[in-house]
Amino acid sequence: MLETQTKGAAKTATAFDHLAPANLFSLDGKVAFVTGAAGGIASGITQALAAAGARLALTDRSEKVADRAAEFVHDGVDATSFVLDITDSKAVAMAFEQALARFGRIDILVNNAGVIVRKPFLEVTLDDWRRVIDTDLTACFVVAQHAARIMVRQGSGRIINIGSIMGHVSRPDLVPYVSAKGAIAAFTRSLAADLAGTGVTVNTLAPGYIATDFGMASNKPFHDFVSDWTPARRWGRPDDLSGPVLLLASEAGGYINGQTLYVDGGFLGVTK
């Protein structure tokens, strides 16, 4: 039998090269605008975007976002930061203007900034309600509109709204938050329909229980309940969102539109 020797042969281009994972998930040359980027689940999201080649415009109301951007720059990533309150529409507009002036384009939006109020419904004040809705829903609309105007002119873009499993189920003492996250899923579907044919996709990334300061503000019995209930038998970690956000941000997810992707370790899929 004659053995064909191929070792050392030069690799030639094929019609399937664009399907290679390195190409499908590449964000080389792309610019990502991420809100609420100082910490929490954004740590996994921003690291994944940077590792795939994206340049970063990071915003947060905490000045720690500047430190976060500086860490990326130290690692060779082209990154900048804006300290702002996401509910300040003028500050948001200025951040987009400055990001566009610096990078020349915006390819990916991650609408991540959010707040939560934990109170029984009868104790929720109108100010509590407005604070959550203004931050978790209205600001999401404002930021997405700025990004979409840029993306539509470019003929391409990815809008990723951060939702929650609380947009699908609910718990006591979270009426404003559950209402906002439920609305985010509907907003995503509607925006995907409105931007149809522009080259811009819109999806919701909905985490389950993630081990961050934001998500862990619960007592030990509840912490143990989540771990026991979840088929993965643990709380999520910020880096569990790395793969899903790359899917939605890259060519790999180019035909995913108007959807909510739950990243919850199987929490929503089981009953006991």
C-alpha atoms as a PDB file:
ATOM      1  CA  MET A   1       0.000   0.000   0.000  1.00  0.00           C
ATOM      2  CA  LEU A   2       1.348   3.434  -0.933  1.00  0.00           C
ATOM      3  CA  GLU A   3       1.290   5.947   1.935  1.00  0.00           C
ATOM      4  CA  THR A   4       0.762   9.571   0.977  1.00  0.00           C
ATOM      5  CA  GLN A   5       3.144  11.888   2.829  1.00  0.00           C
ATOM      6  CA  THR A   6       1.541  15.171   3.867  1.00  0.00           C
ATOM      7  CA  LYS A   7       3.686  16.188   6.827  1.00  0.00           C
ATOM      8  CA  GLY A   8       5.223  19.595   6.308  1.00  0.00           C
ATOM      9  CA  ALA A   9       3.040  20.487   3.341  1.00  0.00           C
ATOM     10  CA  ALA A  10       2.064  24.139   3.177  1.00  0.00           C
ATOM     11  CA  LYS A  11      -1.515  24.823   4.201  1.00  0.00           C
ATOM     12  CA  THR A  12      -3.572  26.162   1.333  1.00  0.00           C
ATOM     13  CA  ALA A  13      -6.670  28.298   1.560  1.00  0.00           C
ATOM     14  CA  THR A  14     -10.000  26.518   1.247  1.00  0.00           C
ATOM     15  CA  ALA A  15     -13.596  27.546   0.817  1.00  0.00           C
ATOM     16  CA  PHE A  16     -14.198  26.583   4.454  1.00  0.00           C
ATOM     17  CA  ASP A  17     -11.605  28.808   6.121  1.00  0.00           C
ATOM     18  CA  HIS A  18     -14.266  31.346   7.116  1.00  0.00           C
ATOM     19  CA  LEU A  19     -15.864  28.628   9.256  1.00  0.00           C
ATOM     20  CA  ALA A  20     -12.779  28.136  11.400  1.00  0.00           C
ATOM     21  CA  PRO A  21     -13.481  29.112  15.037  1.00  0.00           C
ATOM     22  CA  ALA A  22     -10.632  31.622  14.964  1.00  0.00           C
ATOM     23  CA  ASN A  23     -12.424  33.445  12.136  1.00  0.00           C
ATOM     24  CA  LEU A  24     -16.013  32.960  13.226  1.00  0.00           C
ATOM     25  CA  PHE A  25     -15.413  34.381  16.691  1.00  0.00           C
ATOM     26  CA  SER A  26     -12.810  36.995  15.766  1.00  0.00           C
ATOM     27  CA  LEU A  27     -13.497  40.612  16.695  1.00  0.00           C
ATOM     28  CA  ASP A  28     -10.311  42.011  15.164  1.00  0.00           C
ATOM     29  CA  GLY A  29     -10.828  45.641  14.216  1.00  0.00           C
ATOM     30  CA  LYS A  30     -14.203  45.823  15.988  1.00  0.00           C
ATOM     31  CA  VAL A  31     -15.095  48.395  18.650  1.00  0.00           C
ATOM     32  CA  ALA A  32     -17.235  47.457  21.651  1.00  0.00           C
ATOM     33  CA  PHE A  33     -19.104  49.999  23.781  1.00  0.00           C
ATOM     34  CA  VAL A  34     -19.895  48.463  27.187  1.00  0.00           C
ATOM     35  CA  THR A  35     -21.935  50.095  29.953  1.00  0.00           C
ATOM     36  CA  GLY A  36     -21.656  49.204  33.621  1.00  0.00           C
ATOM     37  CA  ALA A  37     -18.117  48.050  32.873  1.00  0.00           C
ATOM     38  CA  ALA A  38     -16.317  48.648  36.185  1.00  0.00           C
ATOM     39  CA  GLY A  39     -16.898  45.160  37.574  1.00  0.00           C
ATOM     40  CA  GLY A  40     -19.436  42.416  38.184  1.00  0.00           C
ATOM     41  CA  ILE A  41     -20.430  40.335  35.170  1.00  0.00           C
ATOM     42  CA  ALA A  42     -18.770  42.932  32.930  1.00  0.00           C
ATOM     43  CA  SER A  43     -15.389  41.540  33.961  1.00  0.00           C
ATOM     44  CA  GLY A  44     -16.030  38.331  32.046  1.00  0.00           C
ATOM     45  CA  ILE A  45     -17.684  40.149  29.143  1.00  0.00           C
ATOM     46  CA  THR A  46     -14.954  42.737  28.589  1.00  0.00           C
ATOM     47  CA  GLN A  47     -12.150  40.202  28.943  1.00  0.00           C
ATOM     48  CA  ALA A  48     -13.755  38.011  26.291  1.00  0.00           C
ATOM     49  CA  LEU A  49     -14.261  40.918  23.890  1.00  0.00           C
ATOM     50  CA  ALA A  50     -10.660  42.062  24.324  1.00  0.00           C
ATOM     51  CA  ALA A  51      -9.260  38.546  23.939  1.00  0.00           C
ATOM     52  CA  ALA A  52     -11.116  38.241  20.622  1.00  0.00           C
ATOM     53  CA  GLY A  53      -9.464  41.425  19.351  1.00  0.00           C
ATOM     54  CA  ALA A  54     -12.004  44.146  20.108  1.00  0.00           C
ATOM     55  CA  ARG A  55     -11.132  47.687  21.088  1.00  0.00           C
ATOM     56  CA  LEU A  56     -13.067  48.890  24.130  1.00  0.00           C
ATOM     57  CA  ALA A  57     -15.057  51.961  25.157  1.00  0.00           C
ATOM     58  CA  LEU A  58     -16.035  51.335  28.787  1.00  0.00           C
ATOM     59  CA  THR A  59     -18.543  53.336  30.825  1.00  0.00           C
ATOM     60  CA  ASP A  60     -19.623  53.258  34.449  1.00  0.00           C
ATOM     61  CA  ARG A  61     -20.703  55.699  37.134  1.00  0.00           C
ATOM     62  CA  SER A  62     -17.818  54.402  39.268  1.00  0.00           C
ATOM     63  CA  GLU A  63     -14.373  55.878  38.718  1.00  0.00           C
ATOM     64  CA  LYS A  64     -13.065  52.298  38.923  1.00  0.00           C
ATOM     65  CA  VAL A  65     -13.908  52.026  35.226  1.00  0.00           C
ATOM     66  CA  ALA A  66     -10.846  54.171  34.481  1.00  0.00           C
ATOM     67  CA  ASP A  67      -8.685  51.668  36.361  1.00  0.00           C
ATOM     68  CA  ARG A  68     -10.288  48.857  34.395  1.00  0.00           C
ATOM     69  CA  ALA A  69      -9.512  50.562  31.086  1.00  0.00           C
ATOM     70  CA  ALA A  70      -5.942  51.209  32.254  1.00  0.00           C
ATOM     71  CA  GLU A  71      -5.493  47.484  32.950  1.00  0.00           C
ATOM     72  CA  PHE A  72      -6.540  46.674  29.401  1.00  0.00           C
ATOM     73  CA  VAL A  73      -4.198  49.307  27.975  1.00  0.00           C
ATOM     74  CA  HIS A  74      -1.362  47.826  30.048  1.00  0.00           C
ATOM     75  CA  ASP A  75      -2.114  44.468  28.403  1.00  0.00           C
ATOM     76  CA  GLY A  76      -1.938  45.980  24.932  1.00  0.00           C
ATOM     77  CA  VAL A  77      -5.654  46.501  24.339  1.00  0.00           C
ATOM     78  CA  ASP A  78      -6.851  49.766  22.788  1.00  0.00           C
ATOM     79  CA  ALA A  79      -9.285  50.942  25.463  1.00  0.00           C
ATOM     80  CA  THR A  80     -10.775  54.118  26.876  1.00  0.00           C
ATOM     81  CA  SER A  81     -13.291  54.892  29.609  1.00  0.00           C
ATOM     82  CA  PHE A  82     -16.075  57.333  30.443  1.00  0.00           C
ATOM     83  CA  VAL A  83     -17.291  57.987  33.979  1.00  0.00           C
ATOM     84  CA  LEU A  84     -20.983  58.808  33.690  1.00  0.00           C
ATOM     85  CA  ASP A  85     -24.448  58.133  35.029  1.00  0.00           C
ATOM     86  CA  ILE A  86     -26.168  56.083  32.356  1.00  0.00           C
ATOM     87  CA  THR A  87     -29.455  57.898  33.058  1.00  0.00           C
ATOM     88  CA  ASP A  88     -27.867  61.208  32.008  1.00  0.00           C
ATOM     89  CA  SER A  89     -28.779  61.299  28.316  1.00  0.00           C
ATOM     90  CA  LYS A  90     -26.469  64.246  27.559  1.00  0.00           C
ATOM     91  CA  ALA A  91     -23.499  62.447  29.111  1.00  0.00           C
ATOM     92  CA  VAL A  92     -24.354  59.332  27.111  1.00  0.00           C
ATOM     93  CA  ALA A  93     -24.488  61.333  23.878  1.00  0.00           C
ATOM     94  CA  MET A  94     -21.121  62.912  24.622  1.00  0.00           C
ATOM     95  CA  ALA A  95     -19.543  59.531  25.382  1.00  0.00           C
ATOM     96  CA  PHE A  96     -20.689  58.176  22.018  1.00  0.00           C
ATOM     97  CA  GLU A  97     -19.382  61.259  20.227  1.00  0.00           C
ATOM     98  CA  GLN A  98     -15.986  60.898  21.879  1.00  0.00           C
ATOM     99  CA  ALA A  99     -15.818  57.139  21.333  1.00  0.00           C
ATOM    100  CA  LEU A 100     -16.697  57.574  17.668  1.00  0.00           C
ATOM    101  CA  ALA A 101     -14.117  60.338  17.279  1.00  0.00           C
ATOM    102  CA  ARG A 102     -11.445  58.097  18.779  1.00  0.00           C
ATOM    103  CA  PHE A 103     -12.249  54.768  17.132  1.00  0.00           C
ATOM    104  CA  GLY A 104     -14.109  55.806  13.985  1.00  0.00           C
ATOM    105  CA  ARG A 105     -16.844  53.216  14.460  1.00  0.00           C
ATOM    106  CA  ILE A 106     -18.966  51.317  17.011  1.00  0.00           C
ATOM    107  CA  ASP A 107     -19.587  47.665  16.137  1.00  0.00           C
ATOM    108  CA  ILE A 108     -20.818  46.128  19.386  1.00  0.00           C
ATOM    109  CA  LEU A 109     -22.963  47.498  22.189  1.00  0.00           C
ATOM    110  CA  VAL A 110     -23.292  45.645  25.480  1.00  0.00           C
ATOM    111  CA  ASN A 111     -26.092  47.316  27.457  1.00  0.00           C
ATOM    112  CA  ASN A 112     -25.021  46.054  30.875  1.00  0.00           C
ATOM    113  CA  ALA A 113     -25.526  48.868  33.420  1.00  0.00           C
ATOM    114  CA  GLY A 114     -28.212  48.143  35.982  1.00  0.00           C
ATOM    115  CA  VAL A 115     -29.445  48.596  39.526  1.00  0.00           C
ATOM    116  CA  ILE A 116     -31.707  46.582  41.788  1.00  0.00           C
ATOM    117  CA  VAL A 117     -34.039  47.437  44.669  1.00  0.00           C
ATOM    118  CA  ARG A 118     -34.991  44.644  47.051  1.00  0.00           C
ATOM    119  CA  LYS A 119     -38.188  45.557  48.921  1.00  0.00           C
ATOM    120  CA  PRO A 120     -41.673  44.116  49.410  1.00  0.00           C
ATOM    121  CA  PHE A 121     -44.035  45.607  46.857  1.00  0.00           C
ATOM    122  CA  LEU A 122     -45.980  47.623  49.435  1.00  0.00           C
ATOM    123  CA  GLU A 123     -42.760  49.302  50.550  1.00  0.00           C
ATOM    124  CA  VAL A 124     -41.525  50.211  47.082  1.00  0.00           C
ATOM    125  CA  THR A 125     -41.615  53.970  46.607  1.00  0.00           C
ATOM    126  CA  LEU A 126     -42.199  55.773  43.342  1.00  0.00           C
ATOM    127  CA  ASP A 127     -38.575  56.918  43.519  1.00  0.00           C
ATOM    128  CA  ASP A 128     -37.465  53.272  43.866  1.00  0.00           C
ATOM    129  CA  TRP A 129     -39.523  52.319  40.823  1.00  0.00           C
ATOM    130  CA  ARG A 130     -38.243  55.210  38.733  1.00  0.00           C
ATOM    131  CA  ARG A 131     -34.619  54.562  39.710  1.00  0.00           C
ATOM    132  CA  VAL A 132     -34.753  50.967  38.491  1.00  0.00           C
ATOM    133  CA  ILE A 133     -36.830  51.592  35.379  1.00  0.00           C
ATOM    134  CA  ASP A 134     -34.771  54.643  34.412  1.00  0.00           C
ATOM    135  CA  THR A 135     -31.495  52.715  34.728  1.00  0.00           C
ATOM    136  CA  ASP A 136     -32.419  49.198  33.641  1.00  0.00           C
ATOM    137  CA  LEU A 137     -34.860  50.046  30.845  1.00  0.00           C
ATOM    138  CA  THR A 138     -35.009  53.689  29.764  1.00  0.00           C
ATOM    139  CA  ALA A 139     -31.213  54.120  29.694  1.00  0.00           C
ATOM    140  CA  CYS A 140     -30.995  50.886  27.704  1.00  0.00           C
ATOM    141  CA  PHE A 141     -33.289  52.470  25.102  1.00  0.00           C
ATOM    142  CA  VAL A 142     -31.241  55.684  24.991  1.00  0.00           C
ATOM    143  CA  VAL A 143     -27.885  53.906  24.685  1.00  0.00           C
ATOM    144  CA  ALA A 144     -29.206  51.476  22.063  1.00  0.00           C
ATOM    145  CA  GLN A 145     -30.593  54.334  19.978  1.00  0.00           C
ATOM    146  CA  HIS A 146     -27.229  56.114  19.914  1.00  0.00           C
ATOM    147  CA  ALA A 147     -25.458  52.882  18.974  1.00  0.00           C
ATOM    148  CA  ALA A 148     -28.040  51.927  16.356  1.00  0.00           C
ATOM    149  CA  ARG A 149     -27.715  55.250  14.522  1.00  0.00           C
ATOM    150  CA  ILE A 150     -24.003  54.611  14.101  1.00  0.00           C
ATOM    151  CA  MET A 151     -24.414  50.936  13.215  1.00  0.00           C
ATOM    152  CA  VAL A 152     -27.119  51.543  10.622  1.00  0.00           C
ATOM    153  CA  ARG A 153     -24.838  54.033   8.843  1.00  0.00           C
ATOM    154  CA  GLN A 154     -22.085  51.407   8.896  1.00  0.00           C
ATOM    155  CA  GLY A 155     -24.423  48.702   7.613  1.00  0.00           C
ATOM    156  CA  SER A 156     -23.529  46.351  10.462  1.00  0.00           C
ATOM    157  CA  GLY A 157     -23.548  46.015  14.231  1.00  0.00           C
ATOM    158  CA  ARG A 158     -24.435  43.915  17.252  1.00  0.00           C
ATOM    159  CA  ILE A 159     -26.603  45.145  20.119  1.00  0.00           C
ATOM    160  CA  ILE A 160     -26.543  42.901  23.189  1.00  0.00           C
ATOM    161  CA  ASN A 161     -28.915  43.833  26.005  1.00  0.00           C
ATOM    162  CA  ILE A 162     -28.174  42.238  29.360  1.00  0.00           C
ATOM    163  CA  GLY A 163     -31.353  40.747  30.747  1.00  0.00           C
ATOM    164  CA  SER A 164     -31.864  38.186  33.489  1.00  0.00           C
ATOM    165  CA  ILE A 165     -33.682  34.981  34.201  1.00  0.00           C
ATOM    166  CA  MET A 166     -35.876  37.363  36.234  1.00  0.00           C
ATOM    167  CA  GLY A 167     -37.274  38.460  32.891  1.00  0.00           C
ATOM    168  CA  HIS A 168     -38.841  35.006  32.631  1.00  0.00           C
ATOM    169  CA  VAL A 169     -39.556  34.050  36.251  1.00  0.00           C
ATOM    170  CA  SER A 170     -39.840  36.069  39.446  1.00  0.00           C
ATOM    171  CA  ARG A 171     -39.123  36.178  43.161  1.00  0.00           C
ATOM    172  CA  PRO A 172     -40.626  38.234  45.970  1.00  0.00           C
ATOM    173  CA  ASP A 173     -39.283  41.729  46.715  1.00  0.00           C
ATOM    174  CA  LEU A 174     -38.075  42.455  43.170  1.00  0.00           C
ATOM    175  CA  VAL A 175     -41.060  44.024  41.396  1.00  0.00           C
ATOM    176  CA  PRO A 176     -39.217  46.946  39.718  1.00  0.00           C
ATOM    177  CA  TYR A 177     -36.255  44.785  38.649  1.00  0.00           C
ATOM    178  CA  VAL A 178     -38.373  41.897  37.338  1.00  0.00           C
ATOM    179  CA  SER A 179     -40.573  44.381  35.456  1.00  0.00           C
ATOM    180  CA  ALA A 180     -37.564  46.041  33.835  1.00  0.00           C
ATOM    181  CA  LYS A 181     -35.890  42.779  32.817  1.00  0.00           C
ATOM    182  CA  GLY A 182     -39.139  41.408  31.396  1.00  0.00           C
ATOM    183  CA  ALA A 183     -39.441  44.577  29.346  1.00  0.00           C
ATOM    184  CA  ILE A 184     -35.852  44.208  28.105  1.00  0.00           C
ATOM    185  CA  ALA A 185     -36.742  40.929  26.394  1.00  0.00           C
ATOM    186  CA  ALA A 186     -39.704  42.604  24.671  1.00  0.00           C
ATOM    187  CA  PHE A 187     -37.589  45.645  23.764  1.00  0.00           C
ATOM    188  CA  THR A 188     -35.015  43.348  22.158  1.00  0.00           C
ATOM    189  CA  ARG A 189     -37.610  41.595  19.996  1.00  0.00           C
ATOM    190  CA  SER A 190     -39.155  44.875  18.905  1.00  0.00           C
ATOM    191  CA  LEU A 191     -35.817  46.517  18.145  1.00  0.00           C
ATOM    192  CA  ALA A 192     -34.709  43.509  16.084  1.00  0.00           C
ATOM    193  CA  ALA A 193     -37.857  43.910  13.996  1.00  0.00           C
ATOM    194  CA  ASP A 194     -37.348  47.664  13.591  1.00  0.00           C
ATOM    195  CA  LEU A 195     -33.736  47.262  12.460  1.00  0.00           C
ATOM    196  CA  ALA A 196     -34.457  44.395  10.087  1.00  0.00           C
ATOM    197  CA  GLY A 197     -32.413  44.574   6.904  1.00  0.00           C
ATOM    198  CA  THR A 198     -29.877  47.086   8.264  1.00  0.00           C
ATOM    199  CA  GLY A 199     -27.186  44.551   9.132  1.00  0.00           C
ATOM    200  CA  VAL A 200     -27.726  45.150  12.855  1.00  0.00           C
ATOM    201  CA  THR A 201     -28.754  42.272  15.130  1.00  0.00           C
ATOM    202  CA  VAL A 202     -30.279  42.700  18.582  1.00  0.00           C
ATOM    203  CA  ASN A 203     -30.308  40.019  21.267  1.00  0.00           C
ATOM    204  CA  THR A 204     -30.656  39.644  25.013  1.00  0.00           C
ATOM    205  CA  LEU A 205     -28.066  37.803  27.080  1.00  0.00           C
ATOM    206  CA  ALA A 206     -29.872  36.701  30.234  1.00  0.00           C
ATOM    207  CA  PRO A 207     -27.656  35.428  33.078  1.00  0.00           C
ATOM    208  CA  GLY A 208     -28.873  33.273  35.894  1.00  0.00           C
ATOM    209  CA  TYR A 209     -27.427  33.579  39.378  1.00  0.00           C
ATOM    210  CA  ILE A 210     -23.869  34.878  38.979  1.00  0.00           C
ATOM    211  CA  ALA A 211     -21.419  35.149  41.883  1.00  0.00           C
ATOM    212  CA  THR A 212     -20.847  38.907  41.976  1.00  0.00           C
ATOM    213  CA  ASP A 213     -21.492  41.557  44.630  1.00  0.00           C
ATOM    214  CA  PHE A 214     -24.634  42.453  42.660  1.00  0.00           C
ATOM    215  CA  GLY A 215     -25.956  38.909  42.474  1.00  0.00           C
ATOM    216  CA  MET A 216     -24.810  37.521  45.828  1.00  0.00           C
ATOM    217  CA  ALA A 217     -26.717  39.912  48.091  1.00  0.00           C
ATOM    218  CA  SER A 218     -28.675  37.007  49.554  1.00  0.00           C
ATOM    219  CA  ASN A 219     -28.522  34.866  52.651  1.00  0.00           C
ATOM    220  CA  LYS A 220     -26.763  31.508  52.866  1.00  0.00           C
ATOM    221  CA  PRO A 221     -29.963  29.385  52.686  1.00  0.00           C
ATOM    222  CA  PHE A 222     -30.834  31.029  49.365  1.00  0.00           C
ATOM    223  CA  HIS A 223     -27.270  30.648  48.126  1.00  0.00           C
ATOM    224  CA  ASP A 224     -27.431  26.927  48.917  1.00  0.00           C
ATOM    225  CA  PHE A 225     -30.882  26.641  47.329  1.00  0.00           C
ATOM    226  CA  VAL A 226     -29.590  28.048  44.022  1.00  0.00           C
ATOM    227  CA  SER A 227     -26.593  25.704  44.054  1.00  0.00           C
ATOM    228  CA  ASP A 228     -28.777  22.685  44.812  1.00  0.00           C
ATOM    229  CA  TRP A 229     -31.492  23.573  42.278  1.00  0.00           C
ATOM    230  CA  THR A 230     -29.195  24.402  39.371  1.00  0.00           C
ATOM    231  CA  PRO A 231     -28.194  21.298  37.348  1.00  0.00           C
ATOM    232  CA  ALA A 232     -24.650  22.710  37.167  1.00  0.00           C
ATOM    233  CA  ARG A 233     -24.668  22.529  41.006  1.00  0.00           C
ATOM    234  CA  ARG A 234     -23.090  25.939  41.435  1.00  0.00           C
ATOM    235  CA  TRP A 235     -23.604  29.650  40.960  1.00  0.00           C
ATOM    236  CA  GLY A 236     -22.355  31.078  37.709  1.00  0.00           C
ATOM    237  CA  ARG A 237     -19.108  33.004  37.330  1.00  0.00           C
ATOM    238  CA  PRO A 238     -18.555  36.147  35.244  1.00  0.00           C
ATOM    239  CA  ASP A 239     -16.389  34.176  32.810  1.00  0.00           C
ATOM    240  CA  ASP A 240     -19.326  31.843  32.128  1.00  0.00           C
ATOM    241  CA  LEU A 241     -20.659  34.715  30.007  1.00  0.00           C
ATOM    242  CA  SER A 242     -17.506  34.937  27.880  1.00  0.00           C
ATOM    243  CA  GLY A 243     -18.490  32.379  25.236  1.00  0.00           C
ATOM    244  CA  PRO A 244     -22.119  33.484  24.941  1.00  0.00           C
ATOM    245  CA  VAL A 245     -21.217  37.156  24.512  1.00  0.00           C
ATOM    246  CA  LEU A 246     -18.685  36.275  21.808  1.00  0.00           C
ATOM    247  CA  LEU A 247     -21.328  34.217  20.022  1.00  0.00           C
ATOM    248  CA  LEU A 248     -23.723  37.154  19.909  1.00  0.00           C
ATOM    249  CA  ALA A 249     -21.021  39.727  19.104  1.00  0.00           C
ATOM    250  CA  SER A 250     -19.272  37.892  16.276  1.00  0.00           C
ATOM    251  CA  GLU A 251     -19.961  36.408  12.853  1.00  0.00           C
ATOM    252  CA  ALA A 252     -20.702  33.111  14.601  1.00  0.00           C
ATOM    253  CA  GLY A 253     -24.020  34.577  15.749  1.00  0.00           C
ATOM    254  CA  GLY A 254     -24.843  36.534  12.636  1.00  0.00           C
ATOM    255  CA  TYR A 255     -28.166  34.732  12.095  1.00  0.00           C
ATOM    256  CA  ILE A 256     -29.285  35.003  15.735  1.00  0.00           C
ATOM    257  CA  ASN A 257     -31.652  37.945  16.080  1.00  0.00           C
ATOM    258  CA  GLY A 258     -34.384  39.045  18.475  1.00  0.00           C
ATOM    259  CA  GLN A 259     -33.601  36.212  20.873  1.00  0.00           C
ATOM    260  CA  THR A 260     -33.010  35.813  24.604  1.00  0.00           C
ATOM    261  CA  LEU A 261     -30.089  33.524  25.414  1.00  0.00           C
ATOM    262  CA  TYR A 262     -30.286  32.218  28.984  1.00  0.00           C
ATOM    263  CA  VAL A 263     -26.958  31.444  30.654  1.00  0.00           C
ATOM    264  CA  ASP A 264     -28.110  29.931  33.917  1.00  0.00           C
ATOM    265  CA  GLY A 265     -26.524  26.493  34.362  1.00  0.00           C
ATOM    266  CA  GLY A 266     -29.919  24.932  33.572  1.00  0.00           C
ATOM    267  CA  PHE A 267     -31.828  26.724  36.367  1.00  0.00           C
ATOM    268  CA  LEU A 268     -34.900  27.497  34.248  1.00  0.00           C
ATOM    269  CA  GLY A 269     -35.007  24.036  32.716  1.00  0.00           C
ATOM    270  CA  VAL A 270     -35.776  22.012  35.836  1.00  0.00           C
ATOM    271  CA  THR A 271     -38.564  21.591  38.346  1.00  0.00           C
ATOM    272  CA  LYS A 272     -38.674  19.786  41.677  1.00  0.00           C
END
